[in-house]
């Protein structure tokens, strides 16, 4: 039997990417996944429950409407919505804001 490949998912403990085999998704933390090896080592908060995902088609899907504050299928508000306190870091270079440009005459030592 072929092991499932969870495309676009990495293990937050060992960094395996893509995650192959059983995926364990934390039901408390947004965007936190472990591979089977790291889940067995208990590398995460023991009070957090994990969803065991053997097949990628079983994975919960968050709403694509980031303006909505409706919870995703795990009960967490959609990341980026006004109801969510977590901020996802930029994913591409294009998402990183450009640094502010300071006019040359306002730099120290420039007159």
N, C-alpha and C. Protein backbone atom coordinates (compact mmCIF):
# COMPACT_ATOMS: atom_id res chain seq x y z
N UNK A 1 0.85 -1.19 0.00
CA UNK A 1 0.00 0.00 0.00
C UNK A 1 0.89 1.25 0.00
N UNK A 2 0.55 2.22 -0.83
CA UNK A 2 1.30 3.46 -0.95
C UNK A 2 0.95 4.39 0.21
N UNK A 3 1.97 5.03 0.76
CA UNK A 3 1.72 5.99 1.85
C UNK A 3 1.22 7.30 1.26
N UNK A 4 0.27 7.91 1.94
CA UNK A 4 -0.33 9.17 1.48
C UNK A 4 0.69 10.30 1.56
N UNK A 5 0.62 11.21 0.58
CA UNK A 5 1.45 12.41 0.59
C UNK A 5 0.52 13.60 0.79
N UNK A 6 0.77 14.36 1.84
CA UNK A 6 -0.04 15.54 2.18
C UNK A 6 0.63 16.76 1.54
N UNK A 7 0.28 17.03 0.28
CA UNK A 7 0.87 18.12 -0.49
C UNK A 7 0.64 19.46 0.21
N UNK A 8 1.69 20.26 0.32
CA UNK A 8 1.58 21.59 0.93
C UNK A 8 1.62 21.58 2.44
N UNK A 9 1.87 20.42 3.05
CA UNK A 9 1.89 20.31 4.51
C UNK A 9 3.27 19.83 4.95
N UNK A 10 3.81 20.46 6.01
CA UNK A 10 5.09 20.02 6.56
C UNK A 10 4.92 19.72 8.04
N UNK A 11 5.82 18.90 8.56
CA UNK A 11 5.83 18.60 9.99
C UNK A 11 6.46 19.79 10.72
N UNK A 12 5.75 20.34 11.69
CA UNK A 12 6.25 21.50 12.42
C UNK A 12 7.35 21.14 13.41
N UNK A 13 7.63 19.86 13.59
CA UNK A 13 8.70 19.47 14.51
C UNK A 13 9.99 19.14 13.76
N UNK A 14 9.94 18.19 12.82
CA UNK A 14 11.16 17.77 12.11
C UNK A 14 11.33 18.42 10.75
N UNK A 15 10.28 19.07 10.22
CA UNK A 15 10.37 19.77 8.95
C UNK A 15 10.11 18.91 7.72
N UNK A 16 9.73 17.64 7.88
CA UNK A 16 9.46 16.78 6.72
C UNK A 16 8.47 17.48 5.78
N UNK A 17 8.87 17.60 4.49
CA UNK A 17 8.01 18.25 3.51
C UNK A 17 8.19 17.58 2.17
N UNK A 18 7.12 17.20 1.51
CA UNK A 18 5.76 17.19 2.06
C UNK A 18 5.64 16.10 3.11
N UNK A 19 4.64 16.23 3.94
CA UNK A 19 4.41 15.24 4.99
C UNK A 19 3.89 13.96 4.33
N UNK A 20 4.56 12.84 4.60
CA UNK A 20 4.19 11.55 4.01
C UNK A 20 3.74 10.61 5.12
N UNK A 21 2.66 9.89 4.86
CA UNK A 21 2.12 8.96 5.86
C UNK A 21 0.98 9.61 6.61
N UNK A 22 0.80 9.23 7.86
CA UNK A 22 -0.28 9.79 8.67
C UNK A 22 0.08 11.19 9.11
N UNK A 23 -0.86 12.10 8.97
CA UNK A 23 -0.70 13.51 9.39
C UNK A 23 -1.49 13.70 10.68
N UNK A 24 -0.89 14.37 11.64
CA UNK A 24 -1.58 14.71 12.89
C UNK A 24 -1.72 16.22 12.94
N UNK A 25 -2.96 16.71 12.89
CA UNK A 25 -3.25 18.15 12.88
C UNK A 25 -3.73 18.57 14.26
N UNK A 26 -3.04 19.53 14.88
CA UNK A 26 -3.43 20.03 16.19
C UNK A 26 -4.79 20.73 16.07
N UNK A 27 -5.69 20.40 16.99
CA UNK A 27 -7.01 21.01 16.97
C UNK A 27 -7.06 22.30 17.79
N UNK A 28 -5.96 22.65 18.44
CA UNK A 28 -5.89 23.88 19.23
C UNK A 28 -5.12 24.96 18.49
N UNK A 29 -3.96 24.61 17.96
CA UNK A 29 -3.09 25.57 17.28
C UNK A 29 -3.45 25.68 15.80
N UNK A 30 -3.48 26.90 15.27
CA UNK A 30 -3.73 27.02 13.84
C UNK A 30 -2.49 26.59 13.05
N UNK A 31 -2.71 25.85 11.99
CA UNK A 31 -1.62 25.48 11.08
C UNK A 31 -0.46 24.78 11.79
N UNK A 32 -0.75 23.76 12.61
CA UNK A 32 0.29 22.99 13.29
C UNK A 32 0.06 21.52 13.01
N UNK A 33 1.04 20.89 12.34
CA UNK A 33 0.93 19.49 11.96
C UNK A 33 2.18 18.73 12.37
N UNK A 34 2.00 17.42 12.64
CA UNK A 34 3.11 16.55 12.97
C UNK A 34 3.05 15.29 12.12
N UNK A 35 4.23 14.73 11.79
CA UNK A 35 4.29 13.44 11.13
C UNK A 35 4.10 12.37 12.22
N UNK A 36 3.94 11.13 11.80
CA UNK A 36 3.70 10.05 12.77
C UNK A 36 4.87 9.88 13.75
N UNK A 37 6.10 10.03 13.25
CA UNK A 37 7.27 9.87 14.13
C UNK A 37 7.30 10.92 15.23
N UNK A 38 7.05 12.16 14.88
CA UNK A 38 7.09 13.24 15.87
C UNK A 38 5.90 13.18 16.82
N UNK A 39 4.74 12.75 16.31
CA UNK A 39 3.57 12.61 17.17
C UNK A 39 3.84 11.53 18.22
N UNK A 40 4.52 10.46 17.82
CA UNK A 40 4.84 9.37 18.75
C UNK A 40 5.83 9.82 19.83
N UNK A 41 6.65 10.83 19.52
CA UNK A 41 7.63 11.35 20.49
C UNK A 41 7.01 12.38 21.43
N UNK A 42 5.75 12.72 21.20
CA UNK A 42 5.05 13.72 22.02
C UNK A 42 5.83 15.03 22.08
N UNK A 43 6.11 15.61 20.91
CA UNK A 43 6.90 16.84 20.85
C UNK A 43 6.05 18.11 20.98
N UNK A 44 4.76 17.97 21.25
CA UNK A 44 3.86 19.12 21.32
C UNK A 44 3.15 19.12 22.67
N UNK A 45 2.48 20.20 22.98
CA UNK A 45 1.73 20.36 24.23
C UNK A 45 0.81 19.15 24.45
N UNK A 46 1.03 18.38 25.52
CA UNK A 46 0.24 17.16 25.75
C UNK A 46 -1.25 17.42 26.01
N UNK A 47 -1.62 18.65 26.30
CA UNK A 47 -3.04 18.94 26.55
C UNK A 47 -3.80 19.20 25.24
N UNK A 48 -3.09 19.29 24.10
CA UNK A 48 -3.73 19.54 22.81
C UNK A 48 -4.13 18.23 22.14
N UNK A 49 -5.35 18.18 21.63
CA UNK A 49 -5.84 17.01 20.90
C UNK A 49 -5.43 17.14 19.44
N UNK A 50 -5.18 16.00 18.80
CA UNK A 50 -4.80 15.97 17.40
C UNK A 50 -5.81 15.19 16.58
N UNK A 51 -6.02 15.66 15.36
CA UNK A 51 -6.86 14.98 14.40
C UNK A 51 -5.93 14.09 13.57
N UNK A 52 -6.21 12.78 13.53
CA UNK A 52 -5.38 11.84 12.77
C UNK A 52 -5.93 11.79 11.35
N UNK A 53 -5.08 12.13 10.37
CA UNK A 53 -5.51 12.19 8.98
C UNK A 53 -4.66 11.21 8.17
N UNK A 54 -5.26 10.07 7.79
CA UNK A 54 -4.55 9.05 7.02
C UNK A 54 -4.55 9.36 5.53
N UNK A 55 -5.62 9.98 5.06
CA UNK A 55 -5.77 10.29 3.64
C UNK A 55 -5.97 11.79 3.50
N UNK A 56 -5.22 12.46 2.61
CA UNK A 56 -5.37 13.92 2.45
C UNK A 56 -6.81 14.36 2.18
N UNK A 57 -7.61 13.51 1.57
CA UNK A 57 -9.01 13.88 1.29
C UNK A 57 -9.84 13.99 2.57
N UNK A 58 -9.32 13.47 3.69
CA UNK A 58 -10.01 13.54 4.99
C UNK A 58 -9.71 14.84 5.74
N UNK A 59 -8.77 15.63 5.23
CA UNK A 59 -8.33 16.84 5.94
C UNK A 59 -9.44 17.89 5.96
N UNK A 60 -9.61 18.57 7.10
CA UNK A 60 -10.60 19.65 7.16
C UNK A 60 -10.16 20.80 6.27
N UNK A 61 -11.12 21.50 5.71
CA UNK A 61 -10.81 22.61 4.82
C UNK A 61 -11.36 23.89 5.43
N UNK A 62 -10.48 24.87 5.61
CA UNK A 62 -10.91 26.18 6.14
C UNK A 62 -11.62 26.94 5.05
N UNK A 63 -12.48 27.83 5.45
CA UNK A 63 -13.20 28.67 4.50
C UNK A 63 -12.21 29.52 3.73
N UNK A 64 -12.46 29.72 2.43
CA UNK A 64 -11.56 30.54 1.63
C UNK A 64 -11.90 32.02 1.74
N UNK A 65 -13.00 32.35 2.40
CA UNK A 65 -13.40 33.75 2.57
C UNK A 65 -12.75 34.30 3.83
N UNK A 66 -11.60 34.97 3.67
CA UNK A 66 -10.84 35.45 4.83
C UNK A 66 -11.52 36.62 5.52
N UNK A 67 -12.54 37.21 4.90
CA UNK A 67 -13.24 38.31 5.56
C UNK A 67 -14.29 37.79 6.52
N UNK A 68 -14.57 36.51 6.45
CA UNK A 68 -15.58 35.91 7.31
C UNK A 68 -14.97 35.58 8.66
N UNK A 69 -15.77 35.67 9.71
CA UNK A 69 -15.28 35.25 11.01
C UNK A 69 -15.88 33.90 11.38
N UNK A 70 -16.51 33.23 10.41
CA UNK A 70 -17.07 31.90 10.66
C UNK A 70 -15.92 30.94 10.93
N UNK A 71 -16.09 30.02 11.88
CA UNK A 71 -15.00 29.09 12.19
C UNK A 71 -14.78 28.09 11.07
N UNK A 72 -13.52 27.59 10.98
CA UNK A 72 -13.26 26.51 10.04
C UNK A 72 -13.82 25.22 10.64
N UNK A 73 -13.55 24.08 10.01
CA UNK A 73 -14.19 22.84 10.46
C UNK A 73 -13.67 22.36 11.81
N UNK A 74 -12.60 22.95 12.33
CA UNK A 74 -12.11 22.57 13.66
C UNK A 74 -12.59 23.53 14.73
N UNK A 75 -13.40 24.51 14.36
CA UNK A 75 -13.95 25.43 15.34
C UNK A 75 -13.13 26.68 15.57
N UNK A 76 -12.03 26.86 14.85
CA UNK A 76 -11.20 28.04 15.00
C UNK A 76 -11.65 29.08 13.99
N UNK A 77 -11.73 30.37 14.38
CA UNK A 77 -12.09 31.40 13.38
C UNK A 77 -11.09 31.37 12.23
N UNK A 78 -11.54 31.70 11.06
CA UNK A 78 -10.68 31.71 9.88
C UNK A 78 -9.50 32.64 10.13
N UNK A 79 -8.29 32.14 9.87
CA UNK A 79 -7.09 32.94 10.09
C UNK A 79 -7.14 34.17 9.20
N UNK A 80 -6.90 35.32 9.80
CA UNK A 80 -6.94 36.59 9.09
C UNK A 80 -8.26 37.31 9.27
N UNK A 81 -9.25 36.62 9.83
CA UNK A 81 -10.55 37.28 10.05
C UNK A 81 -10.47 38.12 11.32
N UNK A 82 -11.40 39.06 11.51
CA UNK A 82 -11.38 39.89 12.71
C UNK A 82 -11.51 39.08 14.01
N UNK A 83 -12.09 37.88 13.94
CA UNK A 83 -12.28 37.06 15.14
C UNK A 83 -11.04 36.25 15.50
N UNK A 84 -10.04 36.22 14.63
CA UNK A 84 -8.84 35.41 14.86
C UNK A 84 -7.72 36.28 15.42
N UNK A 85 -7.05 35.76 16.48
CA UNK A 85 -5.96 36.54 17.07
C UNK A 85 -4.60 36.14 16.48
N UNK A 86 -4.58 35.13 15.61
CA UNK A 86 -3.33 34.68 15.02
C UNK A 86 -3.12 35.35 13.67
N UNK A 87 -1.87 35.69 13.37
CA UNK A 87 -1.54 36.30 12.10
C UNK A 87 -0.60 35.35 11.39
N UNK A 88 -0.98 34.93 10.20
CA UNK A 88 -0.13 34.04 9.42
C UNK A 88 0.96 34.87 8.76
N UNK A 89 2.21 34.42 8.82
CA UNK A 89 3.31 35.18 8.21
C UNK A 89 3.17 35.20 6.69
N UNK A 90 3.80 36.19 6.03
CA UNK A 90 3.75 36.25 4.57
C UNK A 90 4.26 34.95 3.97
N UNK A 91 3.69 34.52 2.86
CA UNK A 91 4.06 33.25 2.24
C UNK A 91 5.02 33.42 1.05
N UNK A 92 5.03 34.59 0.42
CA UNK A 92 5.93 34.80 -0.71
C UNK A 92 6.61 36.16 -0.55
N UNK A 93 7.66 36.36 -1.32
CA UNK A 93 8.38 37.63 -1.27
C UNK A 93 7.44 38.77 -1.64
N UNK A 94 6.51 38.52 -2.56
CA UNK A 94 5.58 39.57 -2.99
C UNK A 94 4.65 39.99 -1.85
N UNK A 95 4.44 39.12 -0.85
CA UNK A 95 3.56 39.43 0.28
C UNK A 95 4.24 40.28 1.35
N UNK A 96 5.56 40.39 1.29
CA UNK A 96 6.31 41.15 2.30
C UNK A 96 6.26 42.63 1.93
N UNK A 97 5.79 43.47 2.86
CA UNK A 97 5.72 44.90 2.54
C UNK A 97 7.11 45.48 2.28
N UNK A 98 7.18 46.40 1.33
CA UNK A 98 8.45 47.06 1.01
C UNK A 98 8.83 47.98 2.16
N UNK A 99 10.13 48.12 2.46
CA UNK A 99 10.55 49.03 3.52
C UNK A 99 10.25 50.48 3.14
N UNK A 100 10.03 51.27 4.14
CA UNK A 100 9.77 52.69 3.90
C UNK A 100 11.02 53.34 3.31
N UNK A 101 10.82 54.22 2.36
CA UNK A 101 11.94 54.93 1.74
C UNK A 101 12.10 56.26 2.47
N UNK A 102 13.31 56.50 2.98
CA UNK A 102 13.59 57.74 3.70
C UNK A 102 14.27 58.70 2.74
N UNK A 103 13.73 59.91 2.58
CA UNK A 103 14.38 60.88 1.69
C UNK A 103 15.82 61.11 2.11
N UNK A 104 16.72 61.21 1.13
CA UNK A 104 18.15 61.33 1.40
C UNK A 104 18.49 62.51 2.29
N UNK A 105 17.81 63.65 2.12
CA UNK A 105 18.13 64.84 2.91
C UNK A 105 17.79 64.67 4.40
N UNK A 106 16.97 63.67 4.76
CA UNK A 106 16.61 63.50 6.16
C UNK A 106 17.54 62.54 6.89
N UNK A 107 18.52 61.96 6.17
CA UNK A 107 19.47 61.05 6.79
C UNK A 107 20.50 61.84 7.60
N UNK A 108 20.96 61.29 8.73
CA UNK A 108 21.98 61.96 9.53
C UNK A 108 23.26 62.18 8.70
N UNK A 109 23.83 63.33 8.83
CA UNK A 109 25.06 63.66 8.13
C UNK A 109 24.84 64.20 6.73
N UNK A 110 23.62 64.24 6.27
CA UNK A 110 23.30 64.80 4.93
C UNK A 110 22.68 66.16 5.11
N UNK A 111 23.23 67.15 4.48
CA UNK A 111 22.70 68.50 4.57
C UNK A 111 22.45 69.05 3.19
